[in-house]
Amino acid sequence: MHDDFYIKLGKNIKKRRKELHLTQQQLADRLNISLNFMGKIEVAFSKPSLDTLIDIAQKLEISVSDLTKFD
């Protein structure tokens, strides 16, 4: 169940990143995290902390609530 949450979260992050025409590297740079970690978040291999999730949402100009809404 928790893994499913992170898989969906990663997909939403990737979708929003692409909507803003950002590469993983560009987003990682804005977040001051490695490209490797950014990629792992998007495929649910790594789980972001709450602080990192808030930072991701801010950089993607979306609320954490909207980022964690799943269809």
PDB file of N, CA and C in Angstrom:
ATOM      1  N   MET A   1       0.826  -1.198   0.000  1.00  0.00           N
ATOM      2  CA  MET A   1       0.000   0.000   0.000  1.00  0.00           C
ATOM      3  C   MET A   1       0.869   1.261   0.000  1.00  0.00           C
ATOM      4  N   HIS A   2       1.866   1.308   0.868  1.00  0.00           N
ATOM      5  CA  HIS A   2       2.741   2.477   0.911  1.00  0.00           C
ATOM      6  C   HIS A   2       3.535   2.597  -0.388  1.00  0.00           C
ATOM      7  N   ASP A   3       3.979   1.460  -0.922  1.00  0.00           N
ATOM      8  CA  ASP A   3       4.730   1.491  -2.178  1.00  0.00           C
ATOM      9  C   ASP A   3       3.870   2.050  -3.295  1.00  0.00           C
ATOM     10  N   ASP A   4       2.594   1.696  -3.316  1.00  0.00           N
ATOM     11  CA  ASP A   4       1.662   2.195  -4.318  1.00  0.00           C
ATOM     12  C   ASP A   4       1.565   3.720  -4.233  1.00  0.00           C
ATOM     13  N   PHE A   5       1.541   4.255  -3.020  1.00  0.00           N
ATOM     14  CA  PHE A   5       1.503   5.706  -2.818  1.00  0.00           C
ATOM     15  C   PHE A   5       2.715   6.357  -3.474  1.00  0.00           C
ATOM     16  N   TYR A   6       3.899   5.819  -3.226  1.00  0.00           N
ATOM     17  CA  TYR A   6       5.122   6.423  -3.756  1.00  0.00           C
ATOM     18  C   TYR A   6       5.243   6.259  -5.263  1.00  0.00           C
ATOM     19  N   ILE A   7       4.709   5.169  -5.801  1.00  0.00           N
ATOM     20  CA  ILE A   7       4.690   4.995  -7.257  1.00  0.00           C
ATOM     21  C   ILE A   7       3.815   6.077  -7.889  1.00  0.00           C
ATOM     22  N   LYS A   8       2.628   6.282  -7.333  1.00  0.00           N
ATOM     23  CA  LYS A   8       1.721   7.311  -7.861  1.00  0.00           C
ATOM     24  C   LYS A   8       2.289   8.708  -7.654  1.00  0.00           C
ATOM     25  N   LEU A   9       2.915   8.935  -6.511  1.00  0.00           N
ATOM     26  CA  LEU A   9       3.529  10.228  -6.246  1.00  0.00           C
ATOM     27  C   LEU A   9       4.617  10.520  -7.279  1.00  0.00           C
ATOM     28  N   GLY A  10       5.456   9.546  -7.531  1.00  0.00           N
ATOM     29  CA  GLY A  10       6.527   9.712  -8.518  1.00  0.00           C
ATOM     30  C   GLY A  10       5.987  10.028  -9.898  1.00  0.00           C
ATOM     31  N   LYS A  11       4.905   9.366 -10.278  1.00  0.00           N
ATOM     32  CA  LYS A  11       4.288   9.630 -11.580  1.00  0.00           C
ATOM     33  C   LYS A  11       3.740  11.049 -11.640  1.00  0.00           C
ATOM     34  N   ASN A  12       3.130  11.509 -10.547  1.00  0.00           N
ATOM     35  CA  ASN A  12       2.608  12.872 -10.516  1.00  0.00           C
ATOM     36  C   ASN A  12       3.726  13.906 -10.576  1.00  0.00           C
ATOM     37  N   ILE A  13       4.828  13.637  -9.889  1.00  0.00           N
ATOM     38  CA  ILE A  13       5.971  14.546  -9.933  1.00  0.00           C
ATOM     39  C   ILE A  13       6.497  14.629 -11.368  1.00  0.00           C
ATOM     40  N   LYS A  14       6.664  13.480 -11.992  1.00  0.00           N
ATOM     41  CA  LYS A  14       7.165  13.441 -13.368  1.00  0.00           C
ATOM     42  C   LYS A  14       6.214  14.166 -14.320  1.00  0.00           C
ATOM     43  N   LYS A  15       4.920  13.914 -14.176  1.00  0.00           N
ATOM     44  CA  LYS A  15       3.926  14.556 -15.041  1.00  0.00           C
ATOM     45  C   LYS A  15       3.994  16.071 -14.899  1.00  0.00           C
ATOM     46  N   ARG A  16       4.021  16.563 -13.663  1.00  0.00           N
ATOM     47  CA  ARG A  16       4.060  18.011 -13.436  1.00  0.00           C
ATOM     48  C   ARG A  16       5.382  18.607 -13.929  1.00  0.00           C
ATOM     49  N   ARG A  17       6.476  17.889 -13.716  1.00  0.00           N
ATOM     50  CA  ARG A  17       7.784  18.350 -14.193  1.00  0.00           C
ATOM     51  C   ARG A  17       7.755  18.528 -15.712  1.00  0.00           C
ATOM     52  N   LYS A  18       7.174  17.566 -16.400  1.00  0.00           N
ATOM     53  CA  LYS A  18       7.101  17.640 -17.866  1.00  0.00           C
ATOM     54  C   LYS A  18       6.165  18.759 -18.314  1.00  0.00           C
ATOM     55  N   GLU A  19       5.083  18.990 -17.570  1.00  0.00           N
ATOM     56  CA  GLU A  19       4.178  20.096 -17.896  1.00  0.00           C
ATOM     57  C   GLU A  19       4.918  21.435 -17.860  1.00  0.00           C
ATOM     58  N   LEU A  20       5.897  21.539 -16.964  1.00  0.00           N
ATOM     59  CA  LEU A  20       6.685  22.762 -16.833  1.00  0.00           C
ATOM     60  C   LEU A  20       7.923  22.757 -17.733  1.00  0.00           C
ATOM     61  N   HIS A  21       8.037  21.703 -18.566  1.00  0.00           N
ATOM     62  CA  HIS A  21       9.149  21.563 -19.512  1.00  0.00           C
ATOM     63  C   HIS A  21      10.505  21.581 -18.805  1.00  0.00           C
ATOM     64  N   LEU A  22      10.555  20.875 -17.681  1.00  0.00           N
ATOM     65  CA  LEU A  22      11.801  20.753 -16.923  1.00  0.00           C
ATOM     66  C   LEU A  22      12.373  19.356 -17.096  1.00  0.00           C
ATOM     67  N   THR A  23      13.692  19.276 -17.187  1.00  0.00           N
ATOM     68  CA  THR A  23      14.346  17.968 -17.167  1.00  0.00           C
ATOM     69  C   THR A  23      14.518  17.539 -15.709  1.00  0.00           C
ATOM     70  N   GLN A  24      14.821  16.281 -15.512  1.00  0.00           N
ATOM     71  CA  GLN A  24      15.121  15.818 -14.149  1.00  0.00           C
ATOM     72  C   GLN A  24      16.299  16.597 -13.589  1.00  0.00           C
ATOM     73  N   GLN A  25      17.287  16.855 -14.431  1.00  0.00           N
ATOM     74  CA  GLN A  25      18.476  17.586 -13.978  1.00  0.00           C
ATOM     75  C   GLN A  25      18.122  18.998 -13.542  1.00  0.00           C
ATOM     76  N   GLN A  26      17.290  19.673 -14.306  1.00  0.00           N
ATOM     77  CA  GLN A  26      16.896  21.039 -13.950  1.00  0.00           C
ATOM     78  C   GLN A  26      16.160  21.069 -12.613  1.00  0.00           C
ATOM     79  N   LEU A  27      15.252  20.123 -12.412  1.00  0.00           N
ATOM     80  CA  LEU A  27      14.523  20.079 -11.147  1.00  0.00           C
ATOM     81  C   LEU A  27      15.459  19.716 -10.004  1.00  0.00           C
ATOM     82  N   ALA A  28      16.317  18.756 -10.226  1.00  0.00           N
ATOM     83  CA  ALA A  28      17.284  18.364  -9.195  1.00  0.00           C
ATOM     84  C   ALA A  28      18.161  19.553  -8.801  1.00  0.00           C
ATOM     85  N   ASP A  29      18.596  20.322  -9.786  1.00  0.00           N
ATOM     86  CA  ASP A  29      19.422  21.504  -9.506  1.00  0.00           C
ATOM     87  C   ASP A  29      18.663  22.515  -8.660  1.00  0.00           C
ATOM     88  N   ARG A  30      17.401  22.736  -8.981  1.00  0.00           N
ATOM     89  CA  ARG A  30      16.581  23.679  -8.219  1.00  0.00           C
ATOM     90  C   ARG A  30      16.367  23.214  -6.782  1.00  0.00           C
ATOM     91  N   LEU A  31      16.374  21.896  -6.597  1.00  0.00           N
ATOM     92  CA  LEU A  31      16.151  21.315  -5.269  1.00  0.00           C
ATOM     93  C   LEU A  31      17.451  21.090  -4.501  1.00  0.00           C
ATOM     94  N   ASN A  32      18.571  21.287  -5.181  1.00  0.00           N
ATOM     95  CA  ASN A  32      19.882  20.996  -4.594  1.00  0.00           C
ATOM     96  C   ASN A  32      20.008  19.533  -4.162  1.00  0.00           C
ATOM     97  N   ILE A  33      19.496  18.651  -5.024  1.00  0.00           N
ATOM     98  CA  ILE A  33      19.649  17.212  -4.810  1.00  0.00           C
ATOM     99  C   ILE A  33      20.296  16.631  -6.056  1.00  0.00           C
ATOM    100  N   SER A  34      20.766  15.399  -5.964  1.00  0.00           N
ATOM    101  CA  SER A  34      21.415  14.780  -7.114  1.00  0.00           C
ATOM    102  C   SER A  34      20.389  14.326  -8.152  1.00  0.00           C
ATOM    103  N   LEU A  35      20.839  14.263  -9.393  1.00  0.00           N
ATOM    104  CA  LEU A  35      20.005  13.744 -10.474  1.00  0.00           C
ATOM    105  C   LEU A  35      19.595  12.303 -10.151  1.00  0.00           C
ATOM    106  N   ASN A  36      20.518  11.547  -9.601  1.00  0.00           N
ATOM    107  CA  ASN A  36      20.254  10.155  -9.232  1.00  0.00           C
ATOM    108  C   ASN A  36      19.087  10.060  -8.241  1.00  0.00           C
ATOM    109  N   PHE A  37      19.108  10.890  -7.200  1.00  0.00           N
ATOM    110  CA  PHE A  37      18.042  10.876  -6.196  1.00  0.00           C
ATOM    111  C   PHE A  37      16.718  11.314  -6.813  1.00  0.00           C
ATOM    112  N   MET A  38      16.750  12.336  -7.672  1.00  0.00           N
ATOM    113  CA  MET A  38      15.528  12.804  -8.329  1.00  0.00           C
ATOM    114  C   MET A  38      14.916  11.682  -9.148  1.00  0.00           C
ATOM    115  N   GLY A  39      15.745  10.987  -9.903  1.00  0.00           N
ATOM    116  CA  GLY A  39      15.253   9.868 -10.708  1.00  0.00           C
ATOM    117  C   GLY A  39      14.662   8.764  -9.861  1.00  0.00           C
ATOM    118  N   LYS A  40      15.297   8.480  -8.738  1.00  0.00           N
ATOM    119  CA  LYS A  40      14.806   7.435  -7.841  1.00  0.00           C
ATOM    120  C   LYS A  40      13.469   7.814  -7.204  1.00  0.00           C
ATOM    121  N   ILE A  41      13.263   9.093  -6.941  1.00  0.00           N
ATOM    122  CA  ILE A  41      11.974   9.538  -6.402  1.00  0.00           C
ATOM    123  C   ILE A  41      10.880   9.301  -7.435  1.00  0.00           C
ATOM    124  N   GLU A  42      11.161   9.631  -8.685  1.00  0.00           N
ATOM    125  CA  GLU A  42      10.145   9.490  -9.732  1.00  0.00           C
ATOM    126  C   GLU A  42       9.760   8.036  -9.999  1.00  0.00           C
ATOM    127  N   VAL A  43      10.648   7.096  -9.732  1.00  0.00           N
ATOM    128  CA  VAL A  43      10.317   5.685  -9.950  1.00  0.00           C
ATOM    129  C   VAL A  43      10.059   4.943  -8.642  1.00  0.00           C
ATOM    130  N   ALA A  44       9.930   5.704  -7.558  1.00  0.00           N
ATOM    131  CA  ALA A  44       9.589   5.161  -6.233  1.00  0.00           C
ATOM    132  C   ALA A  44      10.652   4.227  -5.670  1.00  0.00           C
ATOM    133  N   PHE A  45      11.895   4.379  -6.124  1.00  0.00           N
ATOM    134  CA  PHE A  45      12.984   3.598  -5.557  1.00  0.00           C
ATOM    135  C   PHE A  45      13.460   4.245  -4.260  1.00  0.00           C
ATOM    136  N   SER A  46      13.321   5.565  -4.199  1.00  0.00           N
ATOM    137  CA  SER A  46      13.616   6.322  -2.977  1.00  0.00           C
ATOM    138  C   SER A  46      12.378   7.106  -2.578  1.00  0.00           C
ATOM    139  N   LYS A  47      12.225   7.301  -1.287  1.00  0.00           N
ATOM    140  CA  LYS A  47      11.064   8.017  -0.759  1.00  0.00           C
ATOM    141  C   LYS A  47      11.520   9.358  -0.198  1.00  0.00           C
ATOM    142  N   PRO A  48      10.946  10.451  -0.714  1.00  0.00           N
ATOM    143  CA  PRO A  48      11.372  11.764  -0.226  1.00  0.00           C
ATOM    144  C   PRO A  48      10.861  12.025   1.188  1.00  0.00           C
ATOM    145  N   SER A  49      11.641  12.770   1.957  1.00  0.00           N
ATOM    146  CA  SER A  49      11.173  13.201   3.274  1.00  0.00           C
ATOM    147  C   SER A  49      10.049  14.219   3.067  1.00  0.00           C
ATOM    148  N   LEU A  50       9.335  14.527   4.125  1.00  0.00           N
ATOM    149  CA  LEU A  50       8.271  15.524   4.033  1.00  0.00           C
ATOM    150  C   LEU A  50       8.843  16.870   3.590  1.00  0.00           C
ATOM    151  N   ASP A  51       9.984  17.256   4.154  1.00  0.00           N
ATOM    152  CA  ASP A  51      10.603  18.523   3.755  1.00  0.00           C
ATOM    153  C   ASP A  51      10.950  18.535   2.271  1.00  0.00           C
ATOM    154  N   THR A  52      11.476  17.430   1.780  1.00  0.00           N
ATOM    155  CA  THR A  52      11.820  17.345   0.358  1.00  0.00           C
ATOM    156  C   THR A  52      10.563  17.382  -0.492  1.00  0.00           C
ATOM    157  N   LEU A  53       9.511  16.707  -0.058  1.00  0.00           N
ATOM    158  CA  LEU A  53       8.250  16.715  -0.802  1.00  0.00           C
ATOM    159  C   LEU A  53       7.681  18.132  -0.885  1.00  0.00           C
ATOM    160  N   ILE A  54       7.736  18.858   0.208  1.00  0.00           N
ATOM    161  CA  ILE A  54       7.260  20.251   0.223  1.00  0.00           C
ATOM    162  C   ILE A  54       8.091  21.088  -0.745  1.00  0.00           C
ATOM    163  N   ASP A  55       9.400  20.887  -0.733  1.00  0.00           N
ATOM    164  CA  ASP A  55      10.291  21.628  -1.624  1.00  0.00           C
ATOM    165  C   ASP A  55      10.000  21.285  -3.087  1.00  0.00           C
ATOM    166  N   ILE A  56       9.785  20.014  -3.370  1.00  0.00           N
ATOM    167  CA  ILE A  56       9.447  19.591  -4.737  1.00  0.00           C
ATOM    168  C   ILE A  56       8.160  20.291  -5.182  1.00  0.00           C
ATOM    169  N   ALA A  57       7.148  20.265  -4.340  1.00  0.00           N
ATOM    170  CA  ALA A  57       5.873  20.894  -4.685  1.00  0.00           C
ATOM    171  C   ALA A  57       6.058  22.386  -4.966  1.00  0.00           C
ATOM    172  N   GLN A  58       6.844  23.048  -4.132  1.00  0.00           N
ATOM    173  CA  GLN A  58       7.085  24.483  -4.337  1.00  0.00           C
ATOM    174  C   GLN A  58       7.778  24.742  -5.666  1.00  0.00           C
ATOM    175  N   LYS A  59       8.796  23.947  -5.970  1.00  0.00           N
ATOM    176  CA  LYS A  59       9.532  24.137  -7.224  1.00  0.00           C
ATOM    177  C   LYS A  59       8.675  23.803  -8.436  1.00  0.00           C
ATOM    178  N   LEU A  60       7.698  22.926  -8.251  1.00  0.00           N
ATOM    179  CA  LEU A  60       6.797  22.557  -9.346  1.00  0.00           C
ATOM    180  C   LEU A  60       5.541  23.433  -9.382  1.00  0.00           C
ATOM    181  N   GLU A  61       5.493  24.426  -8.492  1.00  0.00           N
ATOM    182  CA  GLU A  61       4.387  25.381  -8.451  1.00  0.00           C
ATOM    183  C   GLU A  61       3.033  24.674  -8.317  1.00  0.00           C
ATOM    184  N   ILE A  62       2.978  23.760  -7.362  1.00  0.00           N
ATOM    185  CA  ILE A  62       1.770  22.973  -7.108  1.00  0.00           C
ATOM    186  C   ILE A  62       1.715  22.698  -5.608  1.00  0.00           C
ATOM    187  N   SER A  63       0.536  22.487  -5.073  1.00  0.00           N
ATOM    188  CA  SER A  63       0.434  22.180  -3.648  1.00  0.00           C
ATOM    189  C   SER A  63       0.775  20.712  -3.395  1.00  0.00           C
ATOM    190  N   VAL A  64       1.221  20.428  -2.206  1.00  0.00           N
ATOM    191  CA  VAL A  64       1.486  19.034  -1.819  1.00  0.00           C
ATOM    192  C   VAL A  64       0.185  18.239  -1.951  1.00  0.00           C
ATOM    193  N   SER A  65      -0.918  18.859  -1.560  1.00  0.00           N
ATOM    194  CA  SER A  65      -2.226  18.210  -1.662  1.00  0.00           C
ATOM    195  C   SER A  65      -2.524  17.784  -3.100  1.00  0.00           C
ATOM    196  N   ASP A  66      -2.308  18.679  -4.046  1.00  0.00           N
ATOM    197  CA  ASP A  66      -2.564  18.339  -5.447  1.00  0.00           C
ATOM    198  C   ASP A  66      -1.563  17.312  -5.970  1.00  0.00           C
ATOM    199  N   LEU A  67      -0.351  17.384  -5.496  1.00  0.00           N
ATOM    200  CA  LEU A  67       0.684  16.437  -5.927  1.00  0.00           C
ATOM    201  C   LEU A  67       0.378  15.019  -5.435  1.00  0.00           C
ATOM    202  N   THR A  68      -0.364  14.929  -4.341  1.00  0.00           N
ATOM    203  CA  THR A  68      -0.678  13.616  -3.766  1.00  0.00           C
ATOM    204  C   THR A  68      -2.126  13.183  -4.042  1.00  0.00           C
ATOM    205  N   LYS A  69      -2.783  13.849  -4.984  1.00  0.00           N
ATOM    206  CA  LYS A  69      -4.106  13.401  -5.420  1.00  0.00           C
ATOM    207  C   LYS A  69      -3.931  12.384  -6.533  1.00  0.00           C
ATOM    208  N   PHE A  70      -4.561  11.244  -6.346  1.00  0.00           N
ATOM    209  CA  PHE A  70      -4.417  10.171  -7.327  1.00  0.00           C
ATOM    210  C   PHE A  70      -5.786   9.804  -7.878  1.00  0.00           C
ATOM    211  N   ASP A  71      -5.844   9.570  -9.205  1.00  0.00           N
ATOM    212  CA  ASP A  71      -7.111   9.190  -9.845  1.00  0.00           C
ATOM    213  C   ASP A  71      -7.508   7.771  -9.515  1.00  0.00           C
TER     214      ASP A  71
END
